[in-house]
Each structure stands twice: as structure tokens, then as C-alpha cells.
PDB file of N, CA and C in Angstrom:
ATOM      1  N   MET A   1      33.865   2.293 -29.749  1.00  0.00           N
ATOM      2  CA  MET A   1      34.980   1.387 -29.228  1.00  0.00           C
ATOM      3  C   MET A   1      35.161   0.225 -29.924  1.00  0.00           C
ATOM      4  N   ALA A   2      36.577  -0.125 -29.835  1.00  0.00           N
ATOM      5  CA  ALA A   2      36.888  -1.573 -30.628  1.00  0.00           C
ATOM      6  C   ALA A   2      36.336  -2.652 -29.992  1.00  0.00           C
ATOM      7  N   LYS A   3      36.058  -3.774 -30.921  1.00  0.00           N
ATOM      8  CA  LYS A   3      35.574  -4.838 -30.676  1.00  0.00           C
ATOM      9  C   LYS A   3      36.266  -5.594 -29.528  1.00  0.00           C
ATOM     10  N   ASP A   4      37.659  -5.599 -29.410  1.00  0.00           N
ATOM     11  CA  ASP A   4      38.342  -6.176 -28.450  1.00  0.00           C
ATOM     12  C   ASP A   4      38.333  -5.690 -27.000  1.00  0.00           C
ATOM     13  N   LYS A   5      37.990  -4.342 -26.971  1.00  0.00           N
ATOM     14  CA  LYS A   5      37.763  -3.518 -25.648  1.00  0.00           C
ATOM     15  C   LYS A   5      36.430  -3.812 -25.332  1.00  0.00           C
ATOM     16  N   PRO A   6      36.174  -4.268 -23.923  1.00  0.00           N
ATOM     17  CA  PRO A   6      34.676  -4.276 -23.447  1.00  0.00           C
ATOM     18  C   PRO A   6      34.309  -2.813 -23.148  1.00  0.00           C
ATOM     19  N   TYR A   7      32.877  -2.954 -22.913  1.00  0.00           N
ATOM     20  CA  TYR A   7      32.310  -1.701 -22.622  1.00  0.00           C
ATOM     21  C   TYR A   7      32.581  -1.244 -21.083  1.00  0.00           C
ATOM     22  N   PRO A   8      32.626  -0.133 -20.728  1.00  0.00           N
ATOM     23  CA  PRO A   8      32.663   0.145 -19.271  1.00  0.00           C
ATOM     24  C   PRO A   8      31.328  -0.005 -18.743  1.00  0.00           C
ATOM     25  N   PRO A   9      31.474  -0.350 -17.580  1.00  0.00           N
ATOM     26  CA  PRO A   9      30.162  -0.592 -16.695  1.00  0.00           C
ATOM     27  C   PRO A   9      29.226   0.564 -16.718  1.00  0.00           C
ATOM     28  N   GLN A  10      27.999   0.369 -17.068  1.00  0.00           N
ATOM     29  CA  GLN A  10      27.158   1.430 -17.113  1.00  0.00           C
ATOM     30  C   GLN A  10      26.062   1.158 -15.808  1.00  0.00           C
ATOM     31  N   TYR A  11      25.856   2.111 -14.763  1.00  0.00           N
ATOM     32  CA  TYR A  11      24.985   1.963 -13.949  1.00  0.00           C
ATOM     33  C   TYR A  11      23.633   2.654 -14.051  1.00  0.00           C
ATOM     34  N   TYR A  12      22.574   2.347 -13.633  1.00  0.00           N
ATOM     35  CA  TYR A  12      21.353   2.763 -14.040  1.00  0.00           C
ATOM     36  C   TYR A  12      20.990   4.435 -13.609  1.00  0.00           C
ATOM     37  N   ASN A  13      21.677   4.593 -12.346  1.00  0.00           N
ATOM     38  CA  ASN A  13      21.626   5.958 -12.044  1.00  0.00           C
ATOM     39  C   ASN A  13      22.236   6.859 -12.692  1.00  0.00           C
ATOM     40  N   ASP A  14      23.674   6.445 -13.083  1.00  0.00           N
ATOM     41  CA  ASP A  14      24.524   7.303 -14.060  1.00  0.00           C
ATOM     42  C   ASP A  14      23.765   7.402 -15.298  1.00  0.00           C
ATOM     43  N   TYR A  15      23.341   6.443 -15.894  1.00  0.00           N
ATOM     44  CA  TYR A  15      22.716   6.413 -17.194  1.00  0.00           C
ATOM     45  C   TYR A  15      21.437   7.485 -17.131  1.00  0.00           C
ATOM     46  N   LEU A  16      20.605   7.577 -16.150  1.00  0.00           N
ATOM     47  CA  LEU A  16      19.383   8.410 -16.137  1.00  0.00           C
ATOM     48  C   LEU A  16      19.860   9.786 -15.722  1.00  0.00           C
ATOM     49  N   HIS A  17      20.979   9.715 -15.157  1.00  0.00           N
ATOM     50  CA  HIS A  17      21.443  11.276 -14.593  1.00  0.00           C
ATOM     51  C   HIS A  17      20.778  11.512 -13.359  1.00  0.00           C
ATOM     52  N   LEU A  18      20.379  10.807 -12.638  1.00  0.00           N
ATOM     53  CA  LEU A  18      19.654  10.696 -11.291  1.00  0.00           C
ATOM     54  C   LEU A  18      20.033  12.014 -10.345  1.00  0.00           C
ATOM     55  N   LYS A  19      21.120  12.064 -10.047  1.00  0.00           N
ATOM     56  CA  LYS A  19      21.811  13.069  -9.261  1.00  0.00           C
ATOM     57  C   LYS A  19      21.544  14.217  -9.723  1.00  0.00           C
ATOM     58  N   LYS A  20      21.836  14.549 -11.188  1.00  0.00           N
ATOM     59  CA  LYS A  20      21.513  15.897 -11.740  1.00  0.00           C
ATOM     60  C   LYS A  20      20.015  16.239 -11.522  1.00  0.00           C
ATOM     61  N   ILE A  21      19.259  15.242 -11.450  1.00  0.00           N
ATOM     62  CA  ILE A  21      17.731  15.718 -11.530  1.00  0.00           C
ATOM     63  C   ILE A  21      17.182  15.945 -10.120  1.00  0.00           C
ATOM     64  N   LEU A  22      17.742  14.942  -9.369  1.00  0.00           N
ATOM     65  CA  LEU A  22      17.466  15.379  -8.017  1.00  0.00           C
ATOM     66  C   LEU A  22      18.048  16.600  -7.301  1.00  0.00           C
ATOM     67  N   ASP A  23      19.189  16.850  -7.664  1.00  0.00           N
ATOM     68  CA  ASP A  23      19.904  18.043  -7.082  1.00  0.00           C
ATOM     69  C   ASP A  23      19.022  19.120  -7.788  1.00  0.00           C
ATOM     70  N   SER A  24      18.528  19.030  -8.845  1.00  0.00           N
ATOM     71  CA  SER A  24      17.632  20.378  -9.380  1.00  0.00           C
ATOM     72  C   SER A  24      16.515  20.535  -8.701  1.00  0.00           C
ATOM     73  N   GLN A  25      15.876  19.779  -8.190  1.00  0.00           N
ATOM     74  CA  GLN A  25      14.553  19.949  -7.496  1.00  0.00           C
ATOM     75  C   GLN A  25      14.639  20.899  -6.270  1.00  0.00           C
ATOM     76  N   HIS A  26      13.894  21.697  -6.106  1.00  0.00           N
ATOM     77  CA  HIS A  26      13.691  22.381  -4.893  1.00  0.00           C
ATOM     78  C   HIS A  26      12.378  22.989  -4.517  1.00  0.00           C
ATOM     79  N   LEU A  27      12.343  23.281  -3.248  1.00  0.00           N
ATOM     80  CA  LEU A  27      10.695  23.544  -2.865  1.00  0.00           C
ATOM     81  C   LEU A  27      10.447  24.984  -3.403  1.00  0.00           C
ATOM     82  N   LYS A  28       9.062  25.111  -3.729  1.00  0.00           N
ATOM     83  CA  LYS A  28       8.729  26.337  -4.326  1.00  0.00           C
ATOM     84  C   LYS A  28       8.590  27.402  -3.190  1.00  0.00           C
ATOM     85  N   SER A  29       8.474  27.065  -2.048  1.00  0.00           N
ATOM     86  CA  SER A  29       8.506  27.909  -0.828  1.00  0.00           C
ATOM     87  C   SER A  29       9.763  28.537  -0.699  1.00  0.00           C
ATOM     88  N   ASP A  30      10.678  27.727  -1.001  1.00  0.00           N
ATOM     89  CA  ASP A  30      12.221  28.280  -0.764  1.00  0.00           C
ATOM     90  C   ASP A  30      12.541  29.425  -1.582  1.00  0.00           C
ATOM     91  N   GLU A  31      11.937  29.566  -2.570  1.00  0.00           N
ATOM     92  CA  GLU A  31      12.062  30.856  -3.357  1.00  0.00           C
ATOM     93  C   GLU A  31      11.470  31.982  -2.855  1.00  0.00           C
ATOM     94  N   PHE A  32      10.478  31.869  -1.845  1.00  0.00           N
ATOM     95  CA  PHE A  32       9.939  33.084  -1.079  1.00  0.00           C
ATOM     96  C   PHE A  32      10.306  33.267   0.160  1.00  0.00           C
ATOM     97  N   GLY A  33      11.544  32.476   0.586  1.00  0.00           N
ATOM     98  CA  GLY A  33      12.091  32.608   1.916  1.00  0.00           C
ATOM     99  C   GLY A  33      11.360  31.866   2.855  1.00  0.00           C
ATOM    100  N   ALA A  34      10.349  31.088   2.714  1.00  0.00           N
ATOM    101  CA  ALA A  34       9.724  30.549   3.629  1.00  0.00           C
ATOM    102  C   ALA A  34       9.616  28.995   3.645  1.00  0.00           C
ATOM    103  N   HIS A  35      10.071  28.505   4.674  1.00  0.00           N
ATOM    104  CA  HIS A  35      10.036  26.867   4.793  1.00  0.00           C
ATOM    105  C   HIS A  35       8.808  26.439   4.933  1.00  0.00           C
ATOM    106  N   ALA A  36       8.425  25.142   3.980  1.00  0.00           N
ATOM    107  CA  ALA A  36       7.208  24.610   3.855  1.00  0.00           C
ATOM    108  C   ALA A  36       7.347  23.423   4.935  1.00  0.00           C
ATOM    109  N   HIS A  37       6.244  23.439   5.695  1.00  0.00           N
ATOM    110  CA  HIS A  37       6.216  22.382   6.714  1.00  0.00           C
ATOM    111  C   HIS A  37       5.400  21.003   5.988  1.00  0.00           C
ATOM    112  N   ASP A  38       5.760  19.902   6.614  1.00  0.00           N
ATOM    113  CA  ASP A  38       5.069  18.817   5.671  1.00  0.00           C
ATOM    114  C   ASP A  38       3.765  18.574   6.870  1.00  0.00           C
ATOM    115  N   GLU A  39       2.890  19.298   6.363  1.00  0.00           N
ATOM    116  CA  GLU A  39       1.498  19.235   7.235  1.00  0.00           C
ATOM    117  C   GLU A  39       0.650  19.941   6.263  1.00  0.00           C
ATOM    118  N   MET A  40      -0.752  19.257   6.459  1.00  0.00           N
ATOM    119  CA  MET A  40      -1.952  19.804   5.775  1.00  0.00           C
ATOM    120  C   MET A  40      -2.667  20.766   6.515  1.00  0.00           C
ATOM    121  N   LEU A  41      -2.834  21.791   5.848  1.00  0.00           N
ATOM    122  CA  LEU A  41      -3.585  23.122   6.558  1.00  0.00           C
ATOM    123  C   LEU A  41      -5.074  22.651   6.573  1.00  0.00           C
ATOM    124  N   HIS A  42      -5.800  22.153   5.709  1.00  0.00           N
ATOM    125  CA  HIS A  42      -7.041  21.944   5.685  1.00  0.00           C
ATOM    126  C   HIS A  42      -7.479  20.863   4.753  1.00  0.00           C
ATOM    127  N   GLU A  43      -8.680  19.974   5.083  1.00  0.00           N
ATOM    128  CA  GLU A  43      -8.859  18.973   4.073  1.00  0.00           C
ATOM    129  C   GLU A  43     -10.462  19.119   4.349  1.00  0.00           C
ATOM    130  N   VAL A  44     -11.086  18.932   3.105  1.00  0.00           N
ATOM    131  CA  VAL A  44     -12.688  18.592   3.025  1.00  0.00           C
ATOM    132  C   VAL A  44     -12.893  17.577   2.316  1.00  0.00           C
ATOM    133  N   THR A  45     -13.851  16.782   2.749  1.00  0.00           N
ATOM    134  CA  THR A  45     -14.287  15.468   1.945  1.00  0.00           C
ATOM    135  C   THR A  45     -15.704  15.821   1.437  1.00  0.00           C
ATOM    136  N   LEU A  46     -15.909  15.373   0.420  1.00  0.00           N
ATOM    137  CA  LEU A  46     -17.205  15.571  -0.152  1.00  0.00           C
ATOM    138  C   LEU A  46     -17.517  14.747  -1.190  1.00  0.00           C
ATOM    139  N   TYR A  47     -18.988  14.421  -1.791  1.00  0.00           N
ATOM    140  CA  TYR A  47     -19.072  13.685  -2.928  1.00  0.00           C
ATOM    141  C   TYR A  47     -19.300  14.951  -3.958  1.00  0.00           C
ATOM    142  N   LEU A  48     -18.684  14.888  -5.098  1.00  0.00           N
ATOM    143  CA  LEU A  48     -18.577  15.797  -5.958  1.00  0.00           C
ATOM    144  C   LEU A  48     -19.513  15.421  -7.003  1.00  0.00           C
ATOM    145  N   GLU A  49     -20.784  16.283  -7.235  1.00  0.00           N
ATOM    146  CA  GLU A  49     -21.840  16.179  -8.362  1.00  0.00           C
ATOM    147  C   GLU A  49     -21.596  17.272  -9.221  1.00  0.00           C
ATOM    148  N   ASN A  50     -21.253  18.514  -8.874  1.00  0.00           N
ATOM    149  CA  ASN A  50     -20.994  19.675  -9.618  1.00  0.00           C
ATOM    150  C   ASN A  50     -20.053  20.617  -9.341  1.00  0.00           C
ATOM    151  N   ILE A  51     -19.031  20.475 -10.009  1.00  0.00           N
ATOM    152  CA  ILE A  51     -17.858  21.563  -9.503  1.00  0.00           C
ATOM    153  C   ILE A  51     -17.931  22.832  -9.546  1.00  0.00           C
ATOM    154  N   VAL A  52     -18.964  23.329 -10.523  1.00  0.00           N
ATOM    155  CA  VAL A  52     -19.125  24.867 -10.872  1.00  0.00           C
ATOM    156  C   VAL A  52     -19.881  25.090  -9.471  1.00  0.00           C
ATOM    157  N   THR A  53     -20.908  24.469  -8.965  1.00  0.00           N
ATOM    158  CA  THR A  53     -21.632  24.989  -7.729  1.00  0.00           C
ATOM    159  C   THR A  53     -21.104  24.574  -6.641  1.00  0.00           C
ATOM    160  N   GLN A  54     -20.469  23.443  -6.277  1.00  0.00           N
ATOM    161  CA  GLN A  54     -20.105  23.064  -5.040  1.00  0.00           C
ATOM    162  C   GLN A  54     -18.813  23.391  -4.734  1.00  0.00           C
ATOM    163  N   LEU A  55     -17.704  23.937  -5.592  1.00  0.00           N
ATOM    164  CA  LEU A  55     -16.658  24.343  -5.063  1.00  0.00           C
ATOM    165  C   LEU A  55     -16.405  25.783  -4.618  1.00  0.00           C
ATOM    166  N   PRO A  56     -17.165  26.651  -5.198  1.00  0.00           N
ATOM    167  CA  PRO A  56     -17.175  28.080  -4.991  1.00  0.00           C
ATOM    168  C   PRO A  56     -17.348  28.135  -3.374  1.00  0.00           C
ATOM    169  N   PRO A  57     -18.291  27.627  -2.816  1.00  0.00           N
ATOM    170  CA  PRO A  57     -18.600  28.047  -1.136  1.00  0.00           C
ATOM    171  C   PRO A  57     -17.664  27.329  -0.356  1.00  0.00           C
ATOM    172  N   LEU A  58     -16.882  26.263  -0.780  1.00  0.00           N
ATOM    173  CA  LEU A  58     -15.913  25.881  -0.229  1.00  0.00           C
ATOM    174  C   LEU A  58     -14.716  26.607  -0.042  1.00  0.00           C
ATOM    175  N   PHE A  59     -14.265  27.038  -1.148  1.00  0.00           N
ATOM    176  CA  PHE A  59     -13.050  28.064  -1.179  1.00  0.00           C
ATOM    177  C   PHE A  59     -13.509  29.273  -0.455  1.00  0.00           C
ATOM    178  N   GLU A  60     -14.759  29.729  -0.354  1.00  0.00           N
ATOM    179  CA  GLU A  60     -14.974  30.958   0.390  1.00  0.00           C
ATOM    180  C   GLU A  60     -14.900  30.636   1.623  1.00  0.00           C
ATOM    181  N   ALA A  61     -15.489  29.511   2.366  1.00  0.00           N
ATOM    182  CA  ALA A  61     -15.456  29.198   3.495  1.00  0.00           C
ATOM    183  C   ALA A  61     -14.032  28.981   4.125  1.00  0.00           C
ATOM    184  N   TYR A  62     -13.121  28.412   3.312  1.00  0.00           N
ATOM    185  CA  TYR A  62     -11.670  28.272   3.495  1.00  0.00           C
ATOM    186  C   TYR A  62     -10.918  29.728   3.577  1.00  0.00           C
ATOM    187  N   TRP A  63     -11.215  30.490   2.727  1.00  0.00           N
ATOM    188  CA  TRP A  63     -10.580  31.808   2.791  1.00  0.00           C
ATOM    189  C   TRP A  63     -11.004  32.587   3.943  1.00  0.00           C
ATOM    190  N   ASP A  64     -12.358  32.557   4.506  1.00  0.00           N
ATOM    191  CA  ASP A  64     -12.827  33.221   5.519  1.00  0.00           C
ATOM    192  C   ASP A  64     -12.437  32.789   6.735  1.00  0.00           C
ATOM    193  N   ASN A  65     -11.804  31.366   6.807  1.00  0.00           N
ATOM    194  CA  ASN A  65     -11.515  30.981   8.153  1.00  0.00           C
ATOM    195  C   ASN A  65     -10.178  30.865   8.440  1.00  0.00           C
ATOM    196  N   THR A  66      -9.603  31.805   9.220  1.00  0.00           N
ATOM    197  CA  THR A  66      -8.210  32.087   9.579  1.00  0.00           C
ATOM    198  C   THR A  66      -7.633  30.731  10.210  1.00  0.00           C
ATOM    199  N   ASP A  67      -8.146  30.041  10.760  1.00  0.00           N
ATOM    200  CA  ASP A  67      -7.904  28.923  11.699  1.00  0.00           C
ATOM    201  C   ASP A  67      -7.365  27.673  10.731  1.00  0.00           C
ATOM    202  N   ALA A  68      -8.198  27.653   9.711  1.00  0.00           N
ATOM    203  CA  ALA A  68      -7.945  26.648   8.430  1.00  0.00           C
ATOM    204  C   ALA A  68      -6.708  27.152   7.779  1.00  0.00           C
ATOM    205  N   ARG A  69      -6.301  28.244   7.745  1.00  0.00           N
ATOM    206  CA  ARG A  69      -5.124  28.850   7.001  1.00  0.00           C
ATOM    207  C   ARG A  69      -4.083  28.959   7.667  1.00  0.00           C
ATOM    208  N   THR A  70      -4.088  28.568   9.130  1.00  0.00           N
ATOM    209  CA  THR A  70      -2.930  28.630   9.979  1.00  0.00           C
ATOM    210  C   THR A  70      -2.111  27.451  10.286  1.00  0.00           C
ATOM    211  N   CYS A  71      -0.746  27.673   9.972  1.00  0.00           N
ATOM    212  CA  CYS A  71       0.045  26.469  10.168  1.00  0.00           C
ATOM    213  C   CYS A  71       0.246  26.274  11.733  1.00  0.00           C
ATOM    214  N   ARG A  72       0.166  25.191  12.240  1.00  0.00           N
ATOM    215  CA  ARG A  72       0.092  24.604  13.539  1.00  0.00           C
ATOM    216  C   ARG A  72       1.505  24.655  13.849  1.00  0.00           C
ATOM    217  N   SER A  73       2.413  24.338  12.998  1.00  0.00           N
ATOM    218  CA  SER A  73       3.927  24.339  13.437  1.00  0.00           C
ATOM    219  C   SER A  73       4.462  25.594  13.628  1.00  0.00           C
ATOM    220  N   CYS A  74       4.096  26.742  12.823  1.00  0.00           N
ATOM    221  CA  CYS A  74       5.114  28.058  13.117  1.00  0.00           C
ATOM    222  C   CYS A  74       4.080  29.072  13.286  1.00  0.00           C
ATOM    223  N   GLY A  75       2.578  28.801  12.967  1.00  0.00           N
ATOM    224  CA  GLY A  75       1.715  29.946  13.090  1.00  0.00           C
ATOM    225  C   GLY A  75       1.432  31.076  12.008  1.00  0.00           C
ATOM    226  N   SER A  76       2.277  30.550  10.828  1.00  0.00           N
ATOM    227  CA  SER A  76       1.978  31.554   9.480  1.00  0.00           C
ATOM    228  C   SER A  76       0.698  31.348   9.002  1.00  0.00           C
ATOM    229  N   ILE A  77       0.242  32.302   8.427  1.00  0.00           N
ATOM    230  CA  ILE A  77      -1.151  32.223   7.855  1.00  0.00           C
ATOM    231  C   ILE A  77      -0.955  32.226   6.420  1.00  0.00           C
ATOM    232  N   GLN A  78      -1.720  31.482   5.562  1.00  0.00           N
ATOM    233  CA  GLN A  78      -1.815  31.432   4.219  1.00  0.00           C
ATOM    234  C   GLN A  78      -2.683  32.658   3.893  1.00  0.00           C
ATOM    235  N   GLN A  79      -2.047  33.547   2.930  1.00  0.00           N
ATOM    236  CA  GLN A  79      -2.818  34.648   2.460  1.00  0.00           C
ATOM    237  C   GLN A  79      -3.747  34.231   1.132  1.00  0.00           C
ATOM    238  N   PRO A  80      -4.713  35.045   1.064  1.00  0.00           N
ATOM    239  CA  PRO A  80      -5.625  34.631  -0.212  1.00  0.00           C
ATOM    240  C   PRO A  80      -4.806  35.026  -1.729  1.00  0.00           C
ATOM    241  N   PRO A  81      -5.130  34.362  -2.635  1.00  0.00           N
ATOM    242  CA  PRO A  81      -4.329  34.815  -3.841  1.00  0.00           C
ATOM    243  C   PRO A  81      -4.923  36.236  -4.187  1.00  0.00           C
ATOM    244  N   ASN A  82      -4.108  37.075  -4.986  1.00  0.00           N
ATOM    245  CA  ASN A  82      -4.529  38.363  -5.505  1.00  0.00           C
ATOM    246  C   ASN A  82      -5.465  38.347  -6.498  1.00  0.00           C
TER     247      ASN A  82
END
């Protein structure tokens, strides 16, 4: 631009292209045709000393417990990974 012409105003969200970024975000669950609920299925609190020995029994207990994997909003059940 010439020195005698002022620069057009630059807005922060335009500069960062926020609309483009936010519009490109989507839920992974939508790709599978299942709406994700804003709900935690299961929570475990523990003092972690050894991840190798402590986590496998927790995962096993989770996958063996259908109630822990069931959504209270819609009743869908999370399936174990293949």
C-alpha cells in the first residue's frame, strides 16, 4: 500500500481465521452416525504407582461391566475395541 493510504482495520479473529478453524471442527462420533452426549461413562480414581501392573485390571473390570459402559442418556453401550 502507498504511504498516504491507511491500512484497513485488522481484527484479531479475522487475522487468525478463527471462523474457518471453528467451522472445521466436528465430533468424531458424528462420523459414525452416533451423537456424543456430554456425559462421563465411568471414572476411577487411584494413586498410580505402576502403570504396567495397575491399569490392565482396571481396563478388564471396565470392559466386563456393562453398566459402566452404558450411556444413561440413550442406553447405548460402548463396545470393546477390536
